[in-house]
C-alpha atoms as a PDB file:
ATOM      1  CA  MET A   1      -0.645  -4.492  65.819  1.00  0.00           C
ATOM      2  CA  SER A   2      -2.512  -1.366  65.552  1.00  0.00           C
ATOM      3  CA  ASN A   3      -4.735  -1.979  62.413  1.00  0.00           C
ATOM      4  CA  VAL A   4      -5.589  -4.363  59.839  1.00  0.00           C
ATOM      5  CA  HIS A   5      -2.970  -2.914  57.474  1.00  0.00           C
ATOM      6  CA  GLY A   6      -0.433  -4.802  58.961  1.00  0.00           C
ATOM      7  CA  PHE A   7      -1.678  -8.479  58.288  1.00  0.00           C
ATOM      8  CA  THR A   8      -0.818 -10.644  55.344  1.00  0.00           C
ATOM      9  CA  LEU A   9      -3.153 -13.432  54.557  1.00  0.00           C
ATOM     10  CA  ASN A  10      -3.156 -15.564  51.735  1.00  0.00           C
ATOM     11  CA  ASP A  11      -5.513 -15.388  48.963  1.00  0.00           C
ATOM     12  CA  LEU A  12      -7.301 -18.288  47.336  1.00  0.00           C
ATOM     13  CA  SER A  13      -4.495 -19.330  45.130  1.00  0.00           C
ATOM     14  CA  GLY A  14      -2.047 -19.351  48.299  1.00  0.00           C
ATOM     15  CA  LEU A  15      -0.375 -16.562  47.434  1.00  0.00           C
ATOM     16  CA  PRO A  16       0.383 -13.657  50.241  1.00  0.00           C
ATOM     17  CA  ALA A  17      -2.131 -10.745  50.060  1.00  0.00           C
ATOM     18  CA  PRO A  18      -1.119  -8.059  52.357  1.00  0.00           C
ATOM     19  CA  LEU A  19      -4.194  -6.224  53.678  1.00  0.00           C
ATOM     20  CA  SER A  20      -1.975  -2.982  53.556  1.00  0.00           C
ATOM     21  CA  ALA A  21      -3.543  -2.978  49.835  1.00  0.00           C
ATOM     22  CA  TYR A  22      -6.640  -1.552  51.434  1.00  0.00           C
ATOM     23  CA  LYS A  23      -4.972   1.762  52.965  1.00  0.00           C
ATOM     24  CA  GLY A  24      -6.883   4.603  52.108  1.00  0.00           C
ATOM     25  CA  LYS A  25     -10.014   2.688  51.665  1.00  0.00           C
ATOM     26  CA  VAL A  26     -13.135   1.661  53.633  1.00  0.00           C
ATOM     27  CA  VAL A  27     -13.636  -2.035  53.975  1.00  0.00           C
ATOM     28  CA  LEU A  28     -16.252  -4.397  54.843  1.00  0.00           C
ATOM     29  CA  ALA A  29     -14.711  -7.781  56.570  1.00  0.00           C
ATOM     30  CA  VAL A  30     -16.865 -10.706  56.553  1.00  0.00           C
ATOM     31  CA  ASN A  31     -16.237 -14.322  57.577  1.00  0.00           C
ATOM     32  CA  THR A  32     -18.206 -15.985  54.742  1.00  0.00           C
ATOM     33  CA  ALA A  33     -19.363 -20.092  54.452  1.00  0.00           C
ATOM     34  CA  SER A  34     -21.110 -21.536  51.215  1.00  0.00           C
ATOM     35  CA  ARG A  35     -23.224 -23.952  52.997  1.00  0.00           C
ATOM     36  CA  CYS A  36     -24.872 -21.426  55.782  1.00  0.00           C
ATOM     37  CA  GLY A  37     -28.539 -19.798  56.162  1.00  0.00           C
ATOM     38  CA  PHE A  38     -27.031 -16.497  55.708  1.00  0.00           C
ATOM     39  CA  THR A  39     -24.862 -17.480  52.441  1.00  0.00           C
ATOM     40  CA  PRO A  40     -27.660 -15.637  50.286  1.00  0.00           C
ATOM     41  CA  GLN A  41     -25.990 -12.482  51.711  1.00  0.00           C
ATOM     42  CA  LEU A  42     -22.911 -12.721  49.449  1.00  0.00           C
ATOM     43  CA  GLN A  43     -25.501 -11.165  46.575  1.00  0.00           C
ATOM     44  CA  GLY A  44     -26.258  -8.152  48.898  1.00  0.00           C
ATOM     45  CA  LEU A  45     -22.644  -7.753  49.932  1.00  0.00           C
ATOM     46  CA  GLN A  46     -21.643  -7.976  46.385  1.00  0.00           C
ATOM     47  CA  SER A  47     -24.238  -5.203  45.384  1.00  0.00           C
ATOM     48  CA  LEU A  48     -22.307  -2.987  48.353  1.00  0.00           C
ATOM     49  CA  HIS A  49     -18.816  -3.571  46.838  1.00  0.00           C
ATOM     50  CA  ALA A  50     -19.999  -2.914  43.189  1.00  0.00           C
ATOM     51  CA  GLU A  51     -22.098   0.654  44.377  1.00  0.00           C
ATOM     52  CA  PHE A  52     -18.970   1.784  46.550  1.00  0.00           C
ATOM     53  CA  LYS A  53     -16.086   0.209  45.170  1.00  0.00           C
ATOM     54  CA  ASP A  54     -15.168   3.540  42.936  1.00  0.00           C
ATOM     55  CA  LYS A  55     -15.496   5.763  46.141  1.00  0.00           C
ATOM     56  CA  GLY A  56     -12.633   3.562  47.792  1.00  0.00           C
ATOM     57  CA  PHE A  57     -14.615   0.765  49.334  1.00  0.00           C
ATOM     58  CA  SER A  58     -14.469  -3.202  49.300  1.00  0.00           C
ATOM     59  CA  VAL A  59     -15.701  -6.151  50.459  1.00  0.00           C
ATOM     60  CA  VAL A  60     -13.402  -8.697  51.767  1.00  0.00           C
ATOM     61  CA  GLY A  61     -14.440 -12.281  52.563  1.00  0.00           C
ATOM     62  CA  PHE A  62     -12.258 -14.557  54.946  1.00  0.00           C
ATOM     63  CA  PRO A  63     -14.299 -18.033  54.627  1.00  0.00           C
ATOM     64  CA  SER A  64     -14.367 -20.031  57.487  1.00  0.00           C
ATOM     65  CA  ASN A  65     -15.257 -23.438  58.474  1.00  0.00           C
ATOM     66  CA  ASP A  66     -15.579 -22.959  62.129  1.00  0.00           C
ATOM     67  CA  PHE A  67     -19.312 -23.348  62.578  1.00  0.00           C
ATOM     68  CA  LEU A  68     -20.944 -26.614  61.648  1.00  0.00           C
ATOM     69  CA  GLY A  69     -18.559 -27.685  58.824  1.00  0.00           C
ATOM     70  CA  GLN A  70     -20.400 -25.051  56.675  1.00  0.00           C
ATOM     71  CA  GLU A  71     -17.182 -24.355  54.457  1.00  0.00           C
ATOM     72  CA  PRO A  72     -16.316 -27.590  52.829  1.00  0.00           C
ATOM     73  CA  LEU A  73     -15.094 -26.030  49.897  1.00  0.00           C
ATOM     74  CA  GLU A  74     -11.143 -25.116  49.337  1.00  0.00           C
ATOM     75  CA  GLY A  75      -9.057 -22.736  47.252  1.00  0.00           C
ATOM     76  CA  VAL A  76     -10.495 -21.554  44.232  1.00  0.00           C
ATOM     77  CA  GLY A  77     -13.413 -23.512  44.653  1.00  0.00           C
ATOM     78  CA  ILE A  78     -14.692 -21.006  47.104  1.00  0.00           C
ATOM     79  CA  ALA A  79     -14.446 -18.307  44.521  1.00  0.00           C
ATOM     80  CA  GLU A  80     -16.082 -20.213  41.684  1.00  0.00           C
ATOM     81  CA  PHE A  81     -19.027 -21.166  44.037  1.00  0.00           C
ATOM     82  CA  CYS A  82     -19.239 -17.466  44.980  1.00  0.00           C
ATOM     83  CA  ARG A  83     -19.053 -16.120  41.336  1.00  0.00           C
ATOM     84  CA  LEU A  84     -21.405 -18.568  40.041  1.00  0.00           C
ATOM     85  CA  ARG A  85     -23.997 -18.869  42.242  1.00  0.00           C
ATOM     86  CA  TYR A  86     -24.174 -15.237  43.742  1.00  0.00           C
ATOM     87  CA  ALA A  87     -22.344 -13.388  41.004  1.00  0.00           C
ATOM     88  CA  ALA A  88     -20.132 -12.186  43.843  1.00  0.00           C
ATOM     89  CA  ASP A  89     -16.663 -11.309  42.700  1.00  0.00           C
ATOM     90  CA  PHE A  90     -15.215  -9.192  45.613  1.00  0.00           C
ATOM     91  CA  PRO A  91     -11.621 -10.393  47.418  1.00  0.00           C
ATOM     92  CA  LEU A  92     -11.698 -13.513  49.120  1.00  0.00           C
ATOM     93  CA  TYR A  93      -8.823 -14.992  51.235  1.00  0.00           C
ATOM     94  CA  GLU A  94      -8.007 -18.298  52.005  1.00  0.00           C
ATOM     95  CA  LYS A  95     -10.189 -20.240  54.785  1.00  0.00           C
ATOM     96  CA  ILE A  96      -9.066 -19.107  58.317  1.00  0.00           C
ATOM     97  CA  HIS A  97     -10.008 -19.752  61.553  1.00  0.00           C
ATOM     98  CA  VAL A  98     -12.190 -16.986  63.054  1.00  0.00           C
ATOM     99  CA  ARG A  99     -12.537 -18.090  66.877  1.00  0.00           C
ATOM    100  CA  GLY A 100     -11.126 -20.533  69.306  1.00  0.00           C
ATOM    101  CA  ARG A 101      -7.651 -21.726  69.980  1.00  0.00           C
ATOM    102  CA  GLN A 102      -6.312 -21.521  66.235  1.00  0.00           C
ATOM    103  CA  ILE A 103      -8.210 -18.164  65.678  1.00  0.00           C
ATOM    104  CA  HIS A 104      -6.145 -16.272  63.097  1.00  0.00           C
ATOM    105  CA  PRO A 105      -4.293 -13.450  64.271  1.00  0.00           C
ATOM    106  CA  LEU A 106      -6.401 -10.942  62.080  1.00  0.00           C
ATOM    107  CA  TYR A 107      -9.904 -11.839  63.572  1.00  0.00           C
ATOM    108  CA  ALA A 108      -7.887 -11.927  67.338  1.00  0.00           C
ATOM    109  CA  HIS A 109      -7.439  -8.338  66.111  1.00  0.00           C
ATOM    110  CA  LEU A 110     -10.726  -7.365  65.056  1.00  0.00           C
ATOM    111  CA  THR A 111     -12.630  -9.134  68.084  1.00  0.00           C
ATOM    112  CA  THR A 112     -10.093  -7.038  70.566  1.00  0.00           C
ATOM    113  CA  SER A 113      -9.878  -3.899  69.115  1.00  0.00           C
ATOM    114  CA  GLY A 114     -12.057  -0.724  68.424  1.00  0.00           C
ATOM    115  CA  PRO A 115     -14.875   0.409  70.134  1.00  0.00           C
ATOM    116  CA  GLU A 116     -16.267  -2.038  72.967  1.00  0.00           C
ATOM    117  CA  SER A 117     -19.234  -2.550  71.024  1.00  0.00           C
ATOM    118  CA  THR A 118     -17.202  -4.120  68.074  1.00  0.00           C
ATOM    119  CA  GLN A 119     -15.544  -6.598  70.548  1.00  0.00           C
ATOM    120  CA  GLY A 120     -16.197 -10.322  71.558  1.00  0.00           C
ATOM    121  CA  PRO A 121     -15.950 -13.579  69.939  1.00  0.00           C
ATOM    122  CA  ILE A 122     -17.353 -14.457  66.603  1.00  0.00           C
ATOM    123  CA  ARG A 123     -20.363 -16.366  67.132  1.00  0.00           C
ATOM    124  CA  TRP A 124     -21.394 -17.275  63.571  1.00  0.00           C
ATOM    125  CA  ASN A 125     -20.885 -16.883  60.151  1.00  0.00           C
ATOM    126  CA  PHE A 126     -21.052 -13.644  58.295  1.00  0.00           C
ATOM    127  CA  THR A 127     -20.048 -11.264  61.322  1.00  0.00           C
ATOM    128  CA  LYS A 128     -19.257  -8.225  59.305  1.00  0.00           C
ATOM    129  CA  PHE A 129     -16.437  -5.657  60.609  1.00  0.00           C
ATOM    130  CA  LEU A 130     -16.532  -2.211  59.014  1.00  0.00           C
ATOM    131  CA  ILE A 131     -13.069  -0.790  59.027  1.00  0.00           C
ATOM    132  CA  ASP A 132     -11.887   2.988  58.275  1.00  0.00           C
ATOM    133  CA  ARG A 133      -9.510   4.234  55.802  1.00  0.00           C
ATOM    134  CA  ASP A 134      -6.508   3.985  58.514  1.00  0.00           C
ATOM    135  CA  GLY A 135      -7.401   0.597  59.049  1.00  0.00           C
ATOM    136  CA  ASN A 136      -9.191   0.591  62.285  1.00  0.00           C
ATOM    137  CA  VAL A 137     -12.259  -1.202  63.480  1.00  0.00           C
ATOM    138  CA  VAL A 138     -15.417   1.152  63.524  1.00  0.00           C
ATOM    139  CA  GLU A 139     -18.427  -0.925  63.497  1.00  0.00           C
ATOM    140  CA  ARG A 140     -19.714  -4.519  63.828  1.00  0.00           C
ATOM    141  CA  PHE A 141     -22.691  -5.965  62.440  1.00  0.00           C
ATOM    142  CA  ALA A 142     -24.492  -9.194  63.669  1.00  0.00           C
ATOM    143  CA  PRO A 143     -24.775 -12.242  61.325  1.00  0.00           C
ATOM    144  CA  ASN A 144     -28.413 -11.715  60.396  1.00  0.00           C
ATOM    145  CA  VAL A 145     -28.096  -7.888  59.684  1.00  0.00           C
ATOM    146  CA  ASP A 146     -28.669  -7.677  55.770  1.00  0.00           C
ATOM    147  CA  PRO A 147     -26.138  -5.932  53.829  1.00  0.00           C
ATOM    148  CA  ALA A 148     -28.442  -3.490  52.378  1.00  0.00           C
ATOM    149  CA  ALA A 149     -28.839  -2.197  56.139  1.00  0.00           C
ATOM    150  CA  MET A 150     -25.237  -1.389  56.156  1.00  0.00           C
ATOM    151  CA  ARG A 151     -25.475   1.118  53.206  1.00  0.00           C
ATOM    152  CA  THR A 152     -25.919   4.367  55.262  1.00  0.00           C
ATOM    153  CA  ALA A 153     -22.599   3.353  57.917  1.00  0.00           C
ATOM    154  CA  ILE A 154     -20.785   2.794  54.624  1.00  0.00           C
ATOM    155  CA  ALA A 155     -21.358   5.648  52.985  1.00  0.00           C
ATOM    156  CA  ALA A 156     -20.607   7.547  56.189  1.00  0.00           C
ATOM    157  CA  ARG A 157     -17.311   6.438  56.209  1.00  0.00           C
ATOM    158  CA  LEU A 158     -16.461   7.271  52.436  1.00  0.00           C
END
């Protein structure tokens, strides 16, 4: 698969949600977890989403329980947590594996395509991938990179 627009995942309600809905948009894909030290980044991610969504941008979250069981919630409980605790309402998909033998095909793609600097296994929650309007991975940000620090990179792609 040449870009992320060919993937379909389920939303938190279990309904298929194709990533082709983001054709023509810049996307920041993030593996999230509700019990991680980086979880407060949800607020900053929401700020980016709100600031740029009318310009063709979206943050998209992919909850994962791959790191020390830090995502114990399921389904709509994940969305409720994000909304109530951090006022985050950007799109979230069902919990997936972002590493290991059961890695979801989307994350297998994200970690092996794009520039060499974007490739390699996910090492922790809140790894962020910037995806251009054509669905190609163009940048990767480590878990400890504050969302506000990505503002310039996002704006440059819009």
